[in-house]
Amino acid sequence: MMNHKHKKGWIFLILCPPLIFLGVTWIVMWLWNLLLPEILGVKSITFWQAMGILVLSKILFGGFHGKFGRGVRDFKERKMREKMMNLSPEEREKFKEVWRSRCESGFFNRNKGTNE
């Protein structure tokens, strides 16, 4: 009996991600065809074009998450921590000051001086 339940779990894990992906692709196609032709005057798209847009947007904006993405992020974070630990306290303060000054004139503060 336990073995039968275990098989159902594996079937669920194997079938769910592709079905979710197909469902999200359909939603992208539906929203595109519902909104964008009227708003921007673009053509309607097919299911396969919607899938291509979904994959492209995932690559460009979403990155690759899961084990691979987490591993790369953890590796970069660990490497940065090691660099920071090897700096002297004076070097650490200088590093922080440089980044503070770089971030001071960030996106929201760009036009501060010109608006006055």
N, C-alpha and C. Protein backbone atom coordinates (compact mmCIF):
# COMPACT_ATOMS: atom_id res chain seq x y z
N MET A 1 0.83 -1.20 0.00
CA MET A 1 0.00 0.00 0.00
C MET A 1 0.87 1.26 0.00
N MET A 2 1.90 1.28 0.82
CA MET A 2 2.79 2.42 0.90
C MET A 2 3.49 2.65 -0.44
N ASN A 3 3.86 1.59 -1.10
CA ASN A 3 4.55 1.67 -2.38
C ASN A 3 3.65 2.34 -3.43
N HIS A 4 2.35 2.04 -3.41
CA HIS A 4 1.40 2.61 -4.35
C HIS A 4 1.29 4.13 -4.16
N LYS A 5 1.26 4.58 -2.91
CA LYS A 5 1.20 6.02 -2.63
C LYS A 5 2.48 6.71 -3.09
N HIS A 6 3.57 6.03 -2.91
CA HIS A 6 4.87 6.59 -3.30
C HIS A 6 4.92 6.80 -4.81
N LYS A 7 4.38 5.86 -5.58
CA LYS A 7 4.35 5.98 -7.04
C LYS A 7 3.49 7.18 -7.46
N LYS A 8 2.36 7.39 -6.78
CA LYS A 8 1.51 8.52 -7.10
C LYS A 8 2.23 9.84 -6.87
N GLY A 9 3.03 9.89 -5.83
CA GLY A 9 3.79 11.11 -5.55
C GLY A 9 4.78 11.42 -6.66
N TRP A 10 5.47 10.41 -7.15
CA TRP A 10 6.44 10.61 -8.23
C TRP A 10 5.74 11.03 -9.52
N ILE A 11 4.60 10.42 -9.79
CA ILE A 11 3.85 10.79 -11.00
C ILE A 11 3.42 12.25 -10.90
N PHE A 12 2.96 12.65 -9.72
CA PHE A 12 2.55 14.04 -9.49
C PHE A 12 3.73 14.99 -9.70
N LEU A 13 4.90 14.64 -9.15
CA LEU A 13 6.08 15.49 -9.29
C LEU A 13 6.57 15.58 -10.73
N ILE A 14 6.37 14.53 -11.49
CA ILE A 14 6.81 14.52 -12.89
C ILE A 14 5.83 15.29 -13.78
N LEU A 15 4.54 15.16 -13.52
CA LEU A 15 3.54 15.79 -14.38
C LEU A 15 3.24 17.24 -14.05
N CYS A 16 3.37 17.62 -12.81
CA CYS A 16 2.97 18.96 -12.39
C CYS A 16 3.78 20.10 -13.05
N PRO A 17 5.09 20.10 -13.00
CA PRO A 17 5.82 21.23 -13.59
C PRO A 17 5.52 21.49 -15.07
N PRO A 18 5.49 20.46 -15.91
CA PRO A 18 5.14 20.75 -17.32
C PRO A 18 3.72 21.27 -17.48
N LEU A 19 2.79 20.75 -16.69
CA LEU A 19 1.41 21.24 -16.78
C LEU A 19 1.30 22.68 -16.32
N ILE A 20 2.02 23.03 -15.28
CA ILE A 20 2.03 24.42 -14.81
C ILE A 20 2.65 25.32 -15.88
N PHE A 21 3.75 24.87 -16.48
CA PHE A 21 4.40 25.65 -17.54
C PHE A 21 3.45 25.87 -18.72
N LEU A 22 2.74 24.82 -19.12
CA LEU A 22 1.78 24.95 -20.23
C LEU A 22 0.65 25.90 -19.85
N GLY A 23 0.19 25.82 -18.61
CA GLY A 23 -0.86 26.73 -18.14
C GLY A 23 -0.41 28.18 -18.13
N VAL A 24 0.80 28.43 -17.65
CA VAL A 24 1.32 29.79 -17.63
C VAL A 24 1.53 30.31 -19.05
N THR A 25 1.97 29.43 -19.94
CA THR A 25 2.13 29.82 -21.36
C THR A 25 0.78 30.24 -21.93
N TRP A 26 -0.25 29.47 -21.63
CA TRP A 26 -1.59 29.81 -22.13
C TRP A 26 -2.04 31.16 -21.57
N ILE A 27 -1.75 31.42 -20.29
CA ILE A 27 -2.12 32.70 -19.68
C ILE A 27 -1.39 33.86 -20.35
N VAL A 28 -0.10 33.68 -20.66
CA VAL A 28 0.67 34.72 -21.36
C VAL A 28 0.05 34.98 -22.73
N MET A 29 -0.28 33.93 -23.46
CA MET A 29 -0.89 34.08 -24.78
C MET A 29 -2.24 34.80 -24.66
N TRP A 30 -3.05 34.39 -23.70
CA TRP A 30 -4.38 34.97 -23.52
C TRP A 30 -4.29 36.45 -23.19
N LEU A 31 -3.40 36.80 -22.24
CA LEU A 31 -3.26 38.20 -21.86
C LEU A 31 -2.71 39.04 -23.01
N TRP A 32 -1.72 38.50 -23.71
CA TRP A 32 -1.16 39.23 -24.86
C TRP A 32 -2.26 39.52 -25.88
N ASN A 33 -2.98 38.46 -26.26
CA ASN A 33 -3.99 38.60 -27.31
C ASN A 33 -5.18 39.43 -26.84
N LEU A 34 -5.42 39.48 -25.55
CA LEU A 34 -6.53 40.27 -25.03
C LEU A 34 -6.17 41.75 -24.94
N LEU A 35 -4.96 42.04 -24.50
CA LEU A 35 -4.60 43.43 -24.19
C LEU A 35 -3.77 44.14 -25.25
N LEU A 36 -2.69 43.52 -25.68
CA LEU A 36 -1.71 44.25 -26.49
C LEU A 36 -2.17 44.63 -27.90
N PRO A 37 -2.95 43.82 -28.60
CA PRO A 37 -3.38 44.29 -29.93
C PRO A 37 -4.17 45.60 -29.86
N GLU A 38 -4.97 45.75 -28.82
CA GLU A 38 -5.75 46.98 -28.71
C GLU A 38 -4.93 48.15 -28.18
N ILE A 39 -4.06 47.87 -27.21
CA ILE A 39 -3.28 48.94 -26.58
C ILE A 39 -2.15 49.41 -27.49
N LEU A 40 -1.37 48.47 -28.03
CA LEU A 40 -0.18 48.83 -28.82
C LEU A 40 -0.33 48.58 -30.31
N GLY A 41 -1.40 47.92 -30.70
CA GLY A 41 -1.61 47.64 -32.12
C GLY A 41 -0.72 46.54 -32.66
N VAL A 42 -0.25 45.63 -31.78
CA VAL A 42 0.58 44.51 -32.24
C VAL A 42 -0.30 43.35 -32.65
N LYS A 43 0.29 42.38 -33.35
CA LYS A 43 -0.47 41.22 -33.80
C LYS A 43 -0.69 40.25 -32.65
N SER A 44 -1.70 39.41 -32.81
CA SER A 44 -1.93 38.33 -31.85
C SER A 44 -0.83 37.29 -32.01
N ILE A 45 -0.59 36.52 -30.95
CA ILE A 45 0.47 35.51 -31.00
C ILE A 45 -0.12 34.12 -30.82
N THR A 46 0.66 33.13 -31.24
CA THR A 46 0.26 31.73 -31.08
C THR A 46 0.75 31.22 -29.74
N PHE A 47 0.34 30.01 -29.41
CA PHE A 47 0.76 29.37 -28.17
C PHE A 47 2.28 29.23 -28.13
N TRP A 48 2.87 28.83 -29.24
CA TRP A 48 4.32 28.60 -29.29
C TRP A 48 5.10 29.92 -29.18
N GLN A 49 4.56 30.97 -29.75
CA GLN A 49 5.19 32.28 -29.61
C GLN A 49 5.12 32.75 -28.15
N ALA A 50 4.00 32.48 -27.51
CA ALA A 50 3.86 32.83 -26.10
C ALA A 50 4.87 32.05 -25.25
N MET A 51 5.08 30.79 -25.60
CA MET A 51 6.07 29.98 -24.87
C MET A 51 7.46 30.57 -25.08
N GLY A 52 7.77 30.99 -26.30
CA GLY A 52 9.06 31.61 -26.58
C GLY A 52 9.25 32.90 -25.79
N ILE A 53 8.22 33.71 -25.71
CA ILE A 53 8.29 34.96 -24.94
C ILE A 53 8.51 34.65 -23.46
N LEU A 54 7.81 33.64 -22.96
CA LEU A 54 7.95 33.24 -21.56
C LEU A 54 9.37 32.78 -21.25
N VAL A 55 9.91 31.94 -22.11
CA VAL A 55 11.27 31.44 -21.91
C VAL A 55 12.28 32.58 -22.03
N LEU A 56 12.12 33.44 -23.03
CA LEU A 56 13.03 34.56 -23.22
C LEU A 56 12.99 35.51 -22.02
N SER A 57 11.80 35.81 -21.53
CA SER A 57 11.70 36.72 -20.38
C SER A 57 12.30 36.08 -19.13
N LYS A 58 12.18 34.77 -19.00
CA LYS A 58 12.78 34.07 -17.87
C LYS A 58 14.30 34.17 -17.94
N ILE A 59 14.84 34.01 -19.13
CA ILE A 59 16.30 34.10 -19.30
C ILE A 59 16.77 35.53 -19.04
N LEU A 60 16.08 36.51 -19.61
CA LEU A 60 16.53 37.89 -19.50
C LEU A 60 16.29 38.51 -18.13
N PHE A 61 15.16 38.22 -17.52
CA PHE A 61 14.77 38.92 -16.30
C PHE A 61 14.74 38.04 -15.06
N GLY A 62 14.44 36.76 -15.23
CA GLY A 62 14.23 35.91 -14.06
C GLY A 62 15.44 35.11 -13.66
N GLY A 63 16.37 34.92 -14.56
CA GLY A 63 17.52 34.08 -14.25
C GLY A 63 17.09 32.63 -14.10
N PHE A 64 18.01 31.82 -13.62
CA PHE A 64 17.71 30.41 -13.41
C PHE A 64 17.79 30.15 -11.92
N HIS A 65 16.68 29.82 -11.33
CA HIS A 65 16.63 29.58 -9.91
C HIS A 65 16.71 28.08 -9.65
N GLY A 66 16.53 27.71 -8.44
CA GLY A 66 16.67 26.31 -8.09
C GLY A 66 18.09 26.05 -7.66
N LYS A 67 18.51 24.82 -7.75
CA LYS A 67 19.85 24.46 -7.28
C LYS A 67 20.94 25.23 -8.01
N PHE A 68 20.84 25.33 -9.32
CA PHE A 68 21.90 25.98 -10.09
C PHE A 68 22.01 27.46 -9.74
N GLY A 69 20.91 28.19 -9.79
CA GLY A 69 20.92 29.61 -9.50
C GLY A 69 21.33 29.91 -8.08
N ARG A 70 20.84 29.13 -7.15
CA ARG A 70 21.17 29.33 -5.75
C ARG A 70 22.65 29.07 -5.53
N GLY A 71 23.20 28.08 -6.19
CA GLY A 71 24.61 27.76 -6.05
C GLY A 71 25.50 28.87 -6.54
N VAL A 72 25.15 29.48 -7.67
CA VAL A 72 25.93 30.58 -8.22
C VAL A 72 25.86 31.78 -7.28
N ARG A 73 24.66 32.09 -6.80
CA ARG A 73 24.49 33.22 -5.89
C ARG A 73 25.26 32.99 -4.59
N ASP A 74 25.17 31.79 -4.03
CA ASP A 74 25.90 31.46 -2.80
C ASP A 74 27.40 31.55 -3.02
N PHE A 75 27.86 31.10 -4.17
CA PHE A 75 29.29 31.15 -4.49
C PHE A 75 29.77 32.60 -4.52
N LYS A 76 29.03 33.48 -5.19
CA LYS A 76 29.41 34.89 -5.29
C LYS A 76 29.40 35.55 -3.91
N GLU A 77 28.37 35.23 -3.13
CA GLU A 77 28.26 35.81 -1.80
C GLU A 77 29.42 35.35 -0.91
N ARG A 78 29.73 34.07 -0.98
CA ARG A 78 30.83 33.51 -0.17
C ARG A 78 32.16 34.16 -0.57
N LYS A 79 32.36 34.31 -1.88
CA LYS A 79 33.60 34.92 -2.38
C LYS A 79 33.73 36.37 -1.91
N MET A 80 32.62 37.11 -1.93
CA MET A 80 32.64 38.51 -1.47
C MET A 80 32.92 38.57 0.03
N ARG A 81 32.32 37.67 0.80
CA ARG A 81 32.57 37.63 2.24
C ARG A 81 34.05 37.37 2.53
N GLU A 82 34.63 36.43 1.78
CA GLU A 82 36.05 36.12 1.96
C GLU A 82 36.91 37.34 1.67
N LYS A 83 36.57 38.07 0.60
CA LYS A 83 37.32 39.28 0.27
C LYS A 83 37.21 40.30 1.40
N MET A 84 35.99 40.48 1.91
CA MET A 84 35.78 41.46 2.98
C MET A 84 36.53 41.06 4.26
N MET A 85 36.57 39.77 4.54
CA MET A 85 37.24 39.30 5.76
C MET A 85 38.75 39.51 5.66
N ASN A 86 39.30 39.49 4.46
CA ASN A 86 40.74 39.66 4.27
C ASN A 86 41.17 41.13 4.26
N LEU A 87 40.20 42.05 4.25
CA LEU A 87 40.54 43.46 4.26
C LEU A 87 40.84 43.92 5.69
N SER A 88 41.72 44.88 5.80
CA SER A 88 41.97 45.47 7.13
C SER A 88 40.78 46.36 7.47
N PRO A 89 40.61 46.73 8.73
CA PRO A 89 39.49 47.61 9.10
C PRO A 89 39.50 48.93 8.32
N GLU A 90 40.68 49.49 8.06
CA GLU A 90 40.76 50.74 7.30
C GLU A 90 40.30 50.52 5.86
N GLU A 91 40.75 49.41 5.26
CA GLU A 91 40.34 49.10 3.88
C GLU A 91 38.84 48.85 3.80
N ARG A 92 38.30 48.19 4.82
CA ARG A 92 36.86 47.93 4.86
C ARG A 92 36.08 49.23 4.91
N GLU A 93 36.50 50.17 5.74
CA GLU A 93 35.83 51.46 5.84
C GLU A 93 35.92 52.23 4.53
N LYS A 94 37.08 52.18 3.88
CA LYS A 94 37.26 52.86 2.59
C LYS A 94 36.32 52.24 1.54
N PHE A 95 36.24 50.91 1.53
CA PHE A 95 35.35 50.20 0.61
C PHE A 95 33.90 50.64 0.82
N LYS A 96 33.48 50.67 2.09
CA LYS A 96 32.10 51.06 2.41
C LYS A 96 31.84 52.51 1.98
N GLU A 97 32.81 53.37 2.22
CA GLU A 97 32.65 54.78 1.86
C GLU A 97 32.53 54.96 0.36
N VAL A 98 33.34 54.24 -0.41
CA VAL A 98 33.26 54.31 -1.87
C VAL A 98 31.87 53.89 -2.34
N TRP A 99 31.34 52.80 -1.80
CA TRP A 99 30.02 52.33 -2.23
C TRP A 99 28.91 53.26 -1.75
N ARG A 100 29.07 53.85 -0.58
CA ARG A 100 28.08 54.84 -0.12
C ARG A 100 28.02 56.01 -1.09
N SER A 101 29.19 56.51 -1.49
CA SER A 101 29.21 57.66 -2.41
C SER A 101 28.66 57.26 -3.78
N ARG A 102 28.90 56.05 -4.21
CA ARG A 102 28.35 55.58 -5.50
C ARG A 102 26.84 55.48 -5.44
N CYS A 103 26.32 55.01 -4.31
CA CYS A 103 24.87 54.79 -4.18
C CYS A 103 24.13 56.06 -3.80
N GLU A 104 24.84 57.08 -3.31
CA GLU A 104 24.22 58.33 -2.91
C GLU A 104 23.47 58.96 -4.07
N SER A 105 24.06 58.93 -5.23
CA SER A 105 23.42 59.52 -6.40
C SER A 105 22.72 58.43 -7.19
N GLY A 106 21.93 57.65 -6.50
CA GLY A 106 21.20 56.54 -7.13
C GLY A 106 20.08 57.03 -8.02
N PHE A 107 19.26 56.14 -8.45
CA PHE A 107 18.18 56.42 -9.40
C PHE A 107 17.25 57.52 -8.91
N PHE A 108 16.84 57.46 -7.65
CA PHE A 108 15.86 58.41 -7.14
C PHE A 108 16.47 59.78 -6.80
N ASN A 109 17.77 59.83 -6.66
CA ASN A 109 18.42 61.08 -6.29
C ASN A 109 19.13 61.74 -7.47
N ARG A 110 18.97 61.24 -8.65
CA ARG A 110 19.69 61.75 -9.82
C ARG A 110 19.43 63.24 -10.07
N ASN A 111 18.18 63.63 -10.03
CA ASN A 111 17.80 64.98 -10.42
C ASN A 111 17.63 65.91 -9.22
N LYS A 112 18.16 65.54 -8.09
CA LYS A 112 17.99 66.35 -6.88
C LYS A 112 18.53 67.76 -7.09
N GLY A 113 19.70 67.88 -7.62
CA GLY A 113 20.33 69.19 -7.80
C GLY A 113 19.67 70.02 -8.90
N THR A 114 19.09 69.41 -9.90
CA THR A 114 18.54 70.14 -11.02
C THR A 114 17.12 70.64 -10.78
N ASN A 115 16.41 70.09 -9.81
CA ASN A 115 15.04 70.50 -9.55
C ASN A 115 14.94 71.75 -8.69
N GLU A 116 16.02 72.14 -8.04
CA GLU A 116 15.97 73.29 -7.14
C GLU A 116 16.19 74.58 -7.84
